[in-house]
Amino acid sequence: PTFLVLRRYAPWRWWGVLVVGFILGLPVAVAI
């Protein structure tokens, strides 16, 4: 869902992708 929402803003910069990926990793830690 994040990809589908954010792909309209492409091309992203690499650092923006890192930030979004880091934020998406946090709910996984909470769920585990």
PDB file of all heavy atoms in Angstrom:
ATOM      1  N   PRO A   1       0.811  -1.221   0.000  1.00  0.00           N
ATOM      2  CA  PRO A   1       0.000   0.000   0.000  1.00  0.00           C
ATOM      3  C   PRO A   1       0.850   1.280   0.000  1.00  0.00           C
ATOM      4  O   PRO A   1       0.499   2.258  -0.663  1.00  0.00           O
ATOM      5  CB  PRO A   1      -0.815  -0.096   1.294  1.00  0.00           C
ATOM      6  CG  PRO A   1      -0.832  -1.532   1.629  1.00  0.00           C
ATOM      7  CD  PRO A   1       0.459  -2.090   1.132  1.00  0.00           C
ATOM      8  N   THR A   2       1.968   1.254   0.707  1.00  0.00           N
ATOM      9  CA  THR A   2       2.850   2.424   0.715  1.00  0.00           C
ATOM     10  C   THR A   2       3.406   2.682  -0.672  1.00  0.00           C
ATOM     11  O   THR A   2       3.445   3.820  -1.144  1.00  0.00           O
ATOM     12  CB  THR A   2       3.999   2.223   1.719  1.00  0.00           C
ATOM     13  OG1 THR A   2       3.440   1.984   3.006  1.00  0.00           O
ATOM     14  CG2 THR A   2       4.891   3.442   1.776  1.00  0.00           C
ATOM     15  N   PHE A   3       3.825   1.632  -1.354  1.00  0.00           N
ATOM     16  CA  PHE A   3       4.320   1.783  -2.718  1.00  0.00           C
ATOM     17  C   PHE A   3       3.251   2.346  -3.639  1.00  0.00           C
ATOM     18  O   PHE A   3       3.512   3.272  -4.418  1.00  0.00           O
ATOM     19  CB  PHE A   3       4.812   0.434  -3.255  1.00  0.00           C
ATOM     20  CG  PHE A   3       5.093   0.455  -4.728  1.00  0.00           C
ATOM     21  CD1 PHE A   3       6.188   1.135  -5.226  1.00  0.00           C
ATOM     22  CD2 PHE A   3       4.262  -0.201  -5.609  1.00  0.00           C
ATOM     23  CE1 PHE A   3       6.441   1.161  -6.588  1.00  0.00           C
ATOM     24  CE2 PHE A   3       4.509  -0.182  -6.973  1.00  0.00           C
ATOM     25  CZ  PHE A   3       5.602   0.501  -7.463  1.00  0.00           C
ATOM     26  N   LEU A   4       2.034   1.820  -3.554  1.00  0.00           N
ATOM     27  CA  LEU A   4       0.962   2.277  -4.433  1.00  0.00           C
ATOM     28  C   LEU A   4       0.602   3.742  -4.184  1.00  0.00           C
ATOM     29  O   LEU A   4       0.286   4.471  -5.122  1.00  0.00           O
ATOM     30  CB  LEU A   4      -0.270   1.380  -4.268  1.00  0.00           C
ATOM     31  CG  LEU A   4      -0.092  -0.060  -4.751  1.00  0.00           C
ATOM     32  CD1 LEU A   4      -1.326  -0.887  -4.417  1.00  0.00           C
ATOM     33  CD2 LEU A   4       0.225  -0.112  -6.228  1.00  0.00           C
ATOM     34  N   VAL A   5       0.674   4.171  -2.930  1.00  0.00           N
ATOM     35  CA  VAL A   5       0.366   5.567  -2.613  1.00  0.00           C
ATOM     36  C   VAL A   5       1.502   6.499  -3.037  1.00  0.00           C
ATOM     37  O   VAL A   5       1.269   7.561  -3.620  1.00  0.00           O
ATOM     38  CB  VAL A   5       0.071   5.730  -1.099  1.00  0.00           C
ATOM     39  CG1 VAL A   5       0.026   7.185  -0.704  1.00  0.00           C
ATOM     40  CG2 VAL A   5      -1.237   5.036  -0.750  1.00  0.00           C
ATOM     41  N   LEU A   6       2.720   6.090  -2.779  1.00  0.00           N
ATOM     42  CA  LEU A   6       3.853   6.989  -2.999  1.00  0.00           C
ATOM     43  C   LEU A   6       4.444   6.944  -4.403  1.00  0.00           C
ATOM     44  O   LEU A   6       5.253   7.792  -4.743  1.00  0.00           O
ATOM     45  CB  LEU A   6       4.955   6.691  -1.978  1.00  0.00           C
ATOM     46  CG  LEU A   6       4.583   6.938  -0.526  1.00  0.00           C
ATOM     47  CD1 LEU A   6       5.750   6.589   0.384  1.00  0.00           C
ATOM     48  CD2 LEU A   6       4.164   8.382  -0.310  1.00  0.00           C
ATOM     49  N   ARG A   7       4.049   6.002  -5.231  1.00  0.00           N
ATOM     50  CA  ARG A   7       4.664   5.911  -6.555  1.00  0.00           C
ATOM     51  C   ARG A   7       4.305   7.093  -7.454  1.00  0.00           C
ATOM     52  O   ARG A   7       5.004   7.377  -8.405  1.00  0.00           O
ATOM     53  CB  ARG A   7       4.300   4.602  -7.231  1.00  0.00           C
ATOM     54  CG  ARG A   7       2.904   4.529  -7.745  1.00  0.00           C
ATOM     55  CD  ARG A   7       2.668   3.241  -8.461  1.00  0.00           C
ATOM     56  NE  ARG A   7       1.249   3.140  -8.758  1.00  0.00           N
ATOM     57  CZ  ARG A   7       0.723   2.213  -9.478  1.00  0.00           C
ATOM     58  NH1 ARG A   7       1.498   1.280  -9.982  1.00  0.00           N
ATOM     59  NH2 ARG A   7      -0.570   2.184  -9.704  1.00  0.00           N
ATOM     60  N   ARG A   8       3.246   7.798  -7.147  1.00  0.00           N
ATOM     61  CA  ARG A   8       2.910   8.959  -7.966  1.00  0.00           C
ATOM     62  C   ARG A   8       3.874  10.116  -7.739  1.00  0.00           C
ATOM     63  O   ARG A   8       3.911  11.061  -8.512  1.00  0.00           O
ATOM     64  CB  ARG A   8       1.472   9.387  -7.725  1.00  0.00           C
ATOM     65  CG  ARG A   8       1.219   9.977  -6.351  1.00  0.00           C
ATOM     66  CD  ARG A   8      -0.208  10.381  -6.220  1.00  0.00           C
ATOM     67  NE  ARG A   8      -0.415  11.684  -6.824  1.00  0.00           N
ATOM     68  CZ  ARG A   8      -1.176  12.619  -6.330  1.00  0.00           C
ATOM     69  NH1 ARG A   8      -1.849  12.387  -5.227  1.00  0.00           N
ATOM     70  NH2 ARG A   8      -1.306  13.772  -6.914  1.00  0.00           N
ATOM     71  N   TYR A   9       4.688  10.036  -6.688  1.00  0.00           N
ATOM     72  CA  TYR A   9       5.687  11.067  -6.419  1.00  0.00           C
ATOM     73  C   TYR A   9       7.057  10.698  -6.975  1.00  0.00           C
ATOM     74  O   TYR A   9       8.035  11.368  -6.688  1.00  0.00           O
ATOM     75  CB  TYR A   9       5.808  11.320  -4.912  1.00  0.00           C
ATOM     76  CG  TYR A   9       4.513  11.789  -4.309  1.00  0.00           C
ATOM     77  CD1 TYR A   9       3.780  10.950  -3.482  1.00  0.00           C
ATOM     78  CD2 TYR A   9       4.010  13.043  -4.597  1.00  0.00           C
ATOM     79  CE1 TYR A   9       2.585  11.364  -2.937  1.00  0.00           C
ATOM     80  CE2 TYR A   9       2.807  13.461  -4.058  1.00  0.00           C
ATOM     81  CZ  TYR A   9       2.110  12.612  -3.225  1.00  0.00           C
ATOM     82  OH  TYR A   9       0.921  13.024  -2.689  1.00  0.00           O
ATOM     83  N   ALA A  10       7.133   9.639  -7.762  1.00  0.00           N
ATOM     84  CA  ALA A  10       8.409   9.150  -8.301  1.00  0.00           C
ATOM     85  C   ALA A  10       8.980  10.169  -9.281  1.00  0.00           C
ATOM     86  O   ALA A  10       8.236  10.901  -9.920  1.00  0.00           O
ATOM     87  CB  ALA A  10       8.196   7.811  -8.976  1.00  0.00           C
ATOM     88  N   PRO A  11      10.246  10.286  -9.444  1.00  0.00           N
ATOM     89  CA  PRO A  11      11.287   9.510  -8.774  1.00  0.00           C
ATOM     90  C   PRO A  11      11.653  10.113  -7.422  1.00  0.00           C
ATOM     91  O   PRO A  11      11.899  11.305  -7.314  1.00  0.00           O
ATOM     92  CB  PRO A  11      12.469   9.581  -9.738  1.00  0.00           C
ATOM     93  CG  PRO A  11      12.299  10.893 -10.420  1.00  0.00           C
ATOM     94  CD  PRO A  11      10.812  11.150 -10.481  1.00  0.00           C
ATOM     95  N   TRP A  12      11.662   9.276  -6.437  1.00  0.00           N
ATOM     96  CA  TRP A  12      12.070   9.687  -5.101  1.00  0.00           C
ATOM     97  C   TRP A  12      13.573   9.732  -5.008  1.00  0.00           C
ATOM     98  O   TRP A  12      14.275   9.137  -5.793  1.00  0.00           O
ATOM     99  CB  TRP A  12      11.546   8.686  -4.081  1.00  0.00           C
ATOM    100  CG  TRP A  12      10.165   8.964  -3.632  1.00  0.00           C
ATOM    101  CD1 TRP A  12       9.090   9.267  -4.415  1.00  0.00           C
ATOM    102  CD2 TRP A  12       9.697   8.958  -2.296  1.00  0.00           C
ATOM    103  NE1 TRP A  12       7.994   9.428  -3.643  1.00  0.00           N
ATOM    104  CE2 TRP A  12       8.340   9.255  -2.342  1.00  0.00           C
ATOM    105  CE3 TRP A  12      10.295   8.720  -1.084  1.00  0.00           C
ATOM    106  CZ2 TRP A  12       7.572   9.331  -1.202  1.00  0.00           C
ATOM    107  CZ3 TRP A  12       9.528   8.788   0.052  1.00  0.00           C
ATOM    108  CH2 TRP A  12       8.191   9.103  -0.010  1.00  0.00           C
ATOM    109  N   ARG A  13      14.047  10.425  -4.031  1.00  0.00           N
ATOM    110  CA  ARG A  13      15.475  10.399  -3.716  1.00  0.00           C
ATOM    111  C   ARG A  13      15.743   9.198  -2.809  1.00  0.00           C
ATOM    112  O   ARG A  13      14.863   8.721  -2.109  1.00  0.00           O
ATOM    113  CB  ARG A  13      15.891  11.677  -3.002  1.00  0.00           C
ATOM    114  CG  ARG A  13      15.568  12.920  -3.763  1.00  0.00           C
ATOM    115  CD  ARG A  13      16.751  13.278  -4.623  1.00  0.00           C
ATOM    116  NE  ARG A  13      16.526  14.587  -5.201  1.00  0.00           N
ATOM    117  CZ  ARG A  13      16.538  14.819  -6.482  1.00  0.00           C
ATOM    118  NH1 ARG A  13      16.756  13.839  -7.318  1.00  0.00           N
ATOM    119  NH2 ARG A  13      16.346  16.016  -6.941  1.00  0.00           N
ATOM    120  N   TRP A  14      16.970   8.721  -2.796  1.00  0.00           N
ATOM    121  CA  TRP A  14      17.328   7.540  -2.024  1.00  0.00           C
ATOM    122  C   TRP A  14      17.120   7.743  -0.539  1.00  0.00           C
ATOM    123  O   TRP A  14      16.708   6.844   0.163  1.00  0.00           O
ATOM    124  CB  TRP A  14      18.767   7.114  -2.330  1.00  0.00           C
ATOM    125  CG  TRP A  14      19.795   8.118  -1.915  1.00  0.00           C
ATOM    126  CD1 TRP A  14      20.292   9.138  -2.681  1.00  0.00           C
ATOM    127  CD2 TRP A  14      20.430   8.221  -0.653  1.00  0.00           C
ATOM    128  NE1 TRP A  14      21.188   9.865  -1.958  1.00  0.00           N
ATOM    129  CE2 TRP A  14      21.300   9.326  -0.704  1.00  0.00           C
ATOM    130  CE3 TRP A  14      20.343   7.490   0.525  1.00  0.00           C
ATOM    131  CZ2 TRP A  14      22.077   9.712   0.379  1.00  0.00           C
ATOM    132  CZ3 TRP A  14      21.127   7.883   1.597  1.00  0.00           C
ATOM    133  CH2 TRP A  14      21.984   8.976   1.509  1.00  0.00           C
ATOM    134  N   TRP A  15      17.370   8.953  -0.042  1.00  0.00           N
ATOM    135  CA  TRP A  15      17.243   9.190   1.395  1.00  0.00           C
ATOM    136  C   TRP A  15      15.783   9.200   1.827  1.00  0.00           C
ATOM    137  O   TRP A  15      15.459   8.807   2.946  1.00  0.00           O
ATOM    138  CB  TRP A  15      17.949  10.481   1.811  1.00  0.00           C
ATOM    139  CG  TRP A  15      17.592  11.666   0.971  1.00  0.00           C
ATOM    140  CD1 TRP A  15      18.237  12.123  -0.138  1.00  0.00           C
ATOM    141  CD2 TRP A  15      16.477  12.537   1.166  1.00  0.00           C
ATOM    142  NE1 TRP A  15      17.595  13.215  -0.661  1.00  0.00           N
ATOM    143  CE2 TRP A  15      16.510  13.509   0.132  1.00  0.00           C
ATOM    144  CE3 TRP A  15      15.460  12.614   2.104  1.00  0.00           C
ATOM    145  CZ2 TRP A  15      15.568  14.520   0.016  1.00  0.00           C
ATOM    146  CZ3 TRP A  15      14.527  13.620   1.980  1.00  0.00           C
ATOM    147  CH2 TRP A  15      14.590  14.558   0.957  1.00  0.00           C
ATOM    148  N   GLY A  16      14.883   9.617   0.981  1.00  0.00           N
ATOM    149  CA  GLY A  16      13.455   9.558   1.292  1.00  0.00           C
ATOM    150  C   GLY A  16      12.963   8.131   1.405  1.00  0.00           C
ATOM    151  O   GLY A  16      12.145   7.792   2.269  1.00  0.00           O
ATOM    152  N   VAL A  17      13.479   7.279   0.530  1.00  0.00           N
ATOM    153  CA  VAL A  17      13.123   5.866   0.563  1.00  0.00           C
ATOM    154  C   VAL A  17      13.636   5.231   1.853  1.00  0.00           C
ATOM    155  O   VAL A  17      12.946   4.417   2.477  1.00  0.00           O
ATOM    156  CB  VAL A  17      13.691   5.154  -0.684  1.00  0.00           C
ATOM    157  CG1 VAL A  17      13.520   3.663  -0.586  1.00  0.00           C
ATOM    158  CG2 VAL A  17      13.040   5.683  -1.940  1.00  0.00           C
ATOM    159  N   LEU A  18      14.845   5.613   2.278  1.00  0.00           N
ATOM    160  CA  LEU A  18      15.389   5.082   3.528  1.00  0.00           C
ATOM    161  C   LEU A  18      14.526   5.474   4.719  1.00  0.00           C
ATOM    162  O   LEU A  18      14.269   4.662   5.604  1.00  0.00           O
ATOM    163  CB  LEU A  18      16.819   5.577   3.745  1.00  0.00           C
ATOM    164  CG  LEU A  18      17.899   4.910   2.909  1.00  0.00           C
ATOM    165  CD1 LEU A  18      19.249   5.577   3.171  1.00  0.00           C
ATOM    166  CD2 LEU A  18      17.977   3.439   3.186  1.00  0.00           C
ATOM    167  N   VAL A  19      14.070   6.714   4.750  1.00  0.00           N
ATOM    168  CA  VAL A  19      13.242   7.185   5.865  1.00  0.00           C
ATOM    169  C   VAL A  19      11.916   6.428   5.908  1.00  0.00           C
ATOM    170  O   VAL A  19      11.489   5.953   6.966  1.00  0.00           O
ATOM    171  CB  VAL A  19      13.007   8.712   5.772  1.00  0.00           C
ATOM    172  CG1 VAL A  19      11.970   9.174   6.772  1.00  0.00           C
ATOM    173  CG2 VAL A  19      14.315   9.462   5.967  1.00  0.00           C
ATOM    174  N   VAL A  20      11.265   6.301   4.761  1.00  0.00           N
ATOM    175  CA  VAL A  20       9.989   5.587   4.706  1.00  0.00           C
ATOM    176  C   VAL A  20      10.179   4.124   5.095  1.00  0.00           C
ATOM    177  O   VAL A  20       9.387   3.565   5.860  1.00  0.00           O
ATOM    178  CB  VAL A  20       9.337   5.712   3.313  1.00  0.00           C
ATOM    179  CG1 VAL A  20       8.146   4.778   3.166  1.00  0.00           C
ATOM    180  CG2 VAL A  20       8.922   7.150   3.057  1.00  0.00           C
ATOM    181  N   GLY A  21      11.239   3.493   4.609  1.00  0.00           N
ATOM    182  CA  GLY A  21      11.511   2.100   4.963  1.00  0.00           C
ATOM    183  C   GLY A  21      11.773   1.926   6.448  1.00  0.00           C
ATOM    184  O   GLY A  21      11.307   0.964   7.065  1.00  0.00           O
ATOM    185  N   PHE A  22      12.506   2.870   7.042  1.00  0.00           N
ATOM    186  CA  PHE A  22      12.772   2.799   8.482  1.00  0.00           C
ATOM    187  C   PHE A  22      11.468   2.904   9.265  1.00  0.00           C
ATOM    188  O   PHE A  22      11.226   2.140  10.196  1.00  0.00           O
ATOM    189  CB  PHE A  22      13.735   3.916   8.901  1.00  0.00           C
ATOM    190  CG  PHE A  22      14.179   3.811  10.323  1.00  0.00           C
ATOM    191  CD1 PHE A  22      15.284   3.056  10.648  1.00  0.00           C
ATOM    192  CD2 PHE A  22      13.488   4.447  11.339  1.00  0.00           C
ATOM    193  CE1 PHE A  22      15.706   2.937  11.967  1.00  0.00           C
ATOM    194  CE2 PHE A  22      13.889   4.336  12.657  1.00  0.00           C
ATOM    195  CZ  PHE A  22      15.006   3.578  12.973  1.00  0.00           C
ATOM    196  N   ILE A  23      10.621   3.833   8.858  1.00  0.00           N
ATOM    197  CA  ILE A  23       9.339   4.015   9.544  1.00  0.00           C
ATOM    198  C   ILE A  23       8.460   2.770   9.395  1.00  0.00           C
ATOM    199  O   ILE A  23       7.770   2.375  10.341  1.00  0.00           O
ATOM    200  CB  ILE A  23       8.626   5.278   9.016  1.00  0.00           C
ATOM    201  CG1 ILE A  23       9.406   6.521   9.462  1.00  0.00           C
ATOM    202  CG2 ILE A  23       7.184   5.337   9.486  1.00  0.00           C
ATOM    203  CD1 ILE A  23       8.951   7.806   8.810  1.00  0.00           C
ATOM    204  N   LEU A  24       8.502   2.127   8.230  1.00  0.00           N
ATOM    205  CA  LEU A  24       7.702   0.917   8.025  1.00  0.00           C
ATOM    206  C   LEU A  24       8.261  -0.282   8.781  1.00  0.00           C
ATOM    207  O   LEU A  24       7.535  -1.248   9.034  1.00  0.00           O
ATOM    208  CB  LEU A  24       7.605   0.576   6.538  1.00  0.00           C
ATOM    209  CG  LEU A  24       6.748   1.513   5.698  1.00  0.00           C
ATOM    210  CD1 LEU A  24       6.778   1.080   4.247  1.00  0.00           C
ATOM    211  CD2 LEU A  24       5.335   1.571   6.214  1.00  0.00           C
ATOM    212  N   GLY A  25       9.520  -0.241   9.168  1.00  0.00           N
ATOM    213  CA  GLY A  25      10.092  -1.321   9.959  1.00  0.00           C
ATOM    214  C   GLY A  25       9.673  -1.280  11.415  1.00  0.00           C
ATOM    215  O   GLY A  25       9.676  -2.301  12.108  1.00  0.00           O
ATOM    216  N   LEU A  26       9.276  -0.117  11.902  1.00  0.00           N
ATOM    217  CA  LEU A  26       8.898   0.026  13.312  1.00  0.00           C
ATOM    218  C   LEU A  26       7.630  -0.742  13.694  1.00  0.00           C
ATOM    219  O   LEU A  26       7.608  -1.396  14.736  1.00  0.00           O
ATOM    220  CB  LEU A  26       8.783   1.499  13.670  1.00  0.00           C
ATOM    221  CG  LEU A  26      10.095   2.293  13.539  1.00  0.00           C
ATOM    222  CD1 LEU A  26       9.862   3.762  13.863  1.00  0.00           C
ATOM    223  CD2 LEU A  26      11.198   1.703  14.378  1.00  0.00           C
ATOM    224  N   PRO A  27       6.561  -0.703  12.893  1.00  0.00           N
ATOM    225  CA  PRO A  27       5.385  -1.511  13.253  1.00  0.00           C
ATOM    226  C   PRO A  27       5.670  -3.011  13.276  1.00  0.00           C
ATOM    227  O   PRO A  27       5.042  -3.750  14.032  1.00  0.00           O
ATOM    228  CB  PRO A  27       4.349  -1.186  12.173  1.00  0.00           C
ATOM    229  CG  PRO A  27       4.795   0.065  11.560  1.00  0.00           C
ATOM    230  CD  PRO A  27       6.271   0.144  11.741  1.00  0.00           C
ATOM    231  N   VAL A  28       6.627  -3.452  12.484  1.00  0.00           N
ATOM    232  CA  VAL A  28       7.001  -4.865  12.497  1.00  0.00           C
ATOM    233  C   VAL A  28       7.615  -5.220  13.847  1.00  0.00           C
ATOM    234  O   VAL A  28       7.297  -6.260  14.440  1.00  0.00           O
ATOM    235  CB  VAL A  28       7.965  -5.191  11.339  1.00  0.00           C
ATOM    236  CG1 VAL A  28       8.453  -6.614  11.419  1.00  0.00           C
ATOM    237  CG2 VAL A  28       7.293  -4.925  10.002  1.00  0.00           C
ATOM    238  N   ALA A  29       8.476  -4.350  14.359  1.00  0.00           N
ATOM    239  CA  ALA A  29       9.078  -4.584  15.681  1.00  0.00           C
ATOM    240  C   ALA A  29       8.008  -4.631  16.761  1.00  0.00           C
ATOM    241  O   ALA A  29       8.039  -5.487  17.645  1.00  0.00           O
ATOM    242  CB  ALA A  29      10.099  -3.498  15.995  1.00  0.00           C
ATOM    243  N   VAL A  30       7.056  -3.732  16.679  1.00  0.00           N
ATOM    244  CA  VAL A  30       5.978  -3.706  17.669  1.00  0.00           C
ATOM    245  C   VAL A  30       5.150  -4.986  17.578  1.00  0.00           C
ATOM    246  O   VAL A  30       4.813  -5.591  18.594  1.00  0.00           O
ATOM    247  CB  VAL A  30       5.091  -2.451  17.475  1.00  0.00           C
ATOM    248  CG1 VAL A  30       3.855  -2.519  18.338  1.00  0.00           C
ATOM    249  CG2 VAL A  30       5.893  -1.193  17.776  1.00  0.00           C
ATOM    250  N   ALA A  31       4.829  -5.422  16.355  1.00  0.00           N
ATOM    251  CA  ALA A  31       4.006  -6.621  16.177  1.00  0.00           C
ATOM    252  C   ALA A  31       4.717  -7.876  16.675  1.00  0.00           C
ATOM    253  O   ALA A  31       4.082  -8.770  17.235  1.00  0.00           O
ATOM    254  CB  ALA A  31       3.632  -6.782  14.704  1.00  0.00           C
ATOM    255  N   ILE A  32       6.013  -7.942  16.482  1.00  0.00           N
ATOM    256  CA  ILE A  32       6.747  -9.134  16.897  1.00  0.00           C
ATOM    257  C   ILE A  32       6.822  -9.238  18.416  1.00  0.00           C
ATOM    258  O   ILE A  32       6.741 -10.325  18.977  1.00  0.00           O
ATOM    259  CB  ILE A  32       8.155  -9.140  16.265  1.00  0.00           C
ATOM    260  CG1 ILE A  32       8.013  -9.453  14.780  1.00  0.00           C
ATOM    261  CG2 ILE A  32       9.082 -10.133  16.943  1.00  0.00           C
ATOM    262  CD1 ILE A  32       9.291  -9.375  14.000  1.00  0.00           C
TER     263      ILE A  32
END
